[in-house]
């Protein structure tokens, strides 16, 4: 049961990273939000890629 909750949360987090990348990394710290926000301003794709990489990092 715990694993299904984790999978559902990660699904929503990835979906949020695709739709609005800075909001997806809000729990990872201010630096991550700023980096993803700046990359999103440069282009949507770099922001999404950065958000997915940050979300995939276990630390």
C-alpha atoms as a PDB file:
ATOM      1  CA  UNK A   1       0.000   0.000   0.000  1.00  0.00           C
ATOM      2  CA  UNK A   2       2.828   2.414   0.797  1.00  0.00           C
ATOM      3  CA  UNK A   3       4.477   1.755  -2.566  1.00  0.00           C
ATOM      4  CA  UNK A   4       1.312   2.611  -4.514  1.00  0.00           C
ATOM      5  CA  UNK A   5       1.067   5.930  -2.660  1.00  0.00           C
ATOM      6  CA  UNK A   6       4.696   6.679  -3.578  1.00  0.00           C
ATOM      7  CA  UNK A   7       4.058   5.816  -7.233  1.00  0.00           C
ATOM      8  CA  UNK A   8       0.971   8.038  -7.349  1.00  0.00           C
ATOM      9  CA  UNK A   9       2.859  10.925  -5.739  1.00  0.00           C
ATOM     10  CA  UNK A  10       5.754  10.569  -8.168  1.00  0.00           C
ATOM     11  CA  UNK A  11       3.334  10.441 -11.100  1.00  0.00           C
ATOM     12  CA  UNK A  12       1.754  13.741 -10.057  1.00  0.00           C
ATOM     13  CA  UNK A  13       5.171  15.267  -9.428  1.00  0.00           C
ATOM     14  CA  UNK A  14       6.367  14.286 -12.930  1.00  0.00           C
ATOM     15  CA  UNK A  15       3.157  15.596 -14.469  1.00  0.00           C
ATOM     16  CA  UNK A  16       3.645  18.868 -12.598  1.00  0.00           C
ATOM     17  CA  UNK A  17       7.265  18.991 -13.803  1.00  0.00           C
ATOM     18  CA  UNK A  18       6.031  18.787 -17.374  1.00  0.00           C
ATOM     19  CA  UNK A  19       3.306  21.401 -16.956  1.00  0.00           C
ATOM     20  CA  UNK A  20       5.039  23.898 -14.638  1.00  0.00           C
ATOM     21  CA  UNK A  21       8.614  22.877 -13.783  1.00  0.00           C
ATOM     22  CA  UNK A  22       9.417  25.342 -10.940  1.00  0.00           C
ATOM     23  CA  UNK A  23       6.405  24.246  -8.934  1.00  0.00           C
ATOM     24  CA  UNK A  24       7.452  20.585  -9.158  1.00  0.00           C
ATOM     25  CA  UNK A  25      10.782  21.183  -7.390  1.00  0.00           C
ATOM     26  CA  UNK A  26       9.404  23.364  -4.601  1.00  0.00           C
ATOM     27  CA  UNK A  27      10.365  20.793  -1.957  1.00  0.00           C
ATOM     28  CA  UNK A  28      13.979  20.558  -3.128  1.00  0.00           C
ATOM     29  CA  UNK A  29      15.150  23.979  -1.940  1.00  0.00           C
ATOM     30  CA  UNK A  30      15.369  27.568  -3.060  1.00  0.00           C
ATOM     31  CA  UNK A  31      18.389  27.033  -5.314  1.00  0.00           C
ATOM     32  CA  UNK A  32      16.644  24.323  -7.281  1.00  0.00           C
ATOM     33  CA  UNK A  33      13.560  26.462  -7.746  1.00  0.00           C
ATOM     34  CA  UNK A  34      15.660  29.380  -8.972  1.00  0.00           C
ATOM     35  CA  UNK A  35      17.666  27.267 -11.422  1.00  0.00           C
ATOM     36  CA  UNK A  36      14.568  25.606 -12.846  1.00  0.00           C
ATOM     37  CA  UNK A  37      12.755  28.943 -13.041  1.00  0.00           C
ATOM     38  CA  UNK A  38      15.613  30.557 -14.973  1.00  0.00           C
ATOM     39  CA  UNK A  39      15.879  27.602 -17.328  1.00  0.00           C
ATOM     40  CA  UNK A  40      12.126  27.705 -17.866  1.00  0.00           C
ATOM     41  CA  UNK A  41      12.414  31.379 -18.797  1.00  0.00           C
ATOM     42  CA  UNK A  42      15.064  30.429 -21.361  1.00  0.00           C
ATOM     43  CA  UNK A  43      12.783  27.773 -22.770  1.00  0.00           C
ATOM     44  CA  UNK A  44      10.178  25.336 -21.588  1.00  0.00           C
ATOM     45  CA  UNK A  45      12.147  22.214 -22.543  1.00  0.00           C
ATOM     46  CA  UNK A  46      15.307  23.072 -20.541  1.00  0.00           C
ATOM     47  CA  UNK A  47      13.139  23.786 -17.501  1.00  0.00           C
ATOM     48  CA  UNK A  48      11.348  20.451 -17.815  1.00  0.00           C
ATOM     49  CA  UNK A  49      14.610  18.559 -18.251  1.00  0.00           C
ATOM     50  CA  UNK A  50      16.170  20.261 -15.224  1.00  0.00           C
ATOM     51  CA  UNK A  51      13.078  19.601 -13.097  1.00  0.00           C
ATOM     52  CA  UNK A  52      13.045  15.918 -14.046  1.00  0.00           C
ATOM     53  CA  UNK A  53      16.749  15.574 -13.290  1.00  0.00           C
ATOM     54  CA  UNK A  54      16.318  17.256  -9.889  1.00  0.00           C
ATOM     55  CA  UNK A  55      13.296  15.081  -9.081  1.00  0.00           C
ATOM     56  CA  UNK A  56      15.203  11.946 -10.086  1.00  0.00           C
ATOM     57  CA  UNK A  57      18.071  12.788  -7.703  1.00  0.00           C
ATOM     58  CA  UNK A  58      17.532  10.871  -4.427  1.00  0.00           C
ATOM     59  CA  UNK A  59      19.277  13.537  -2.324  1.00  0.00           C
END
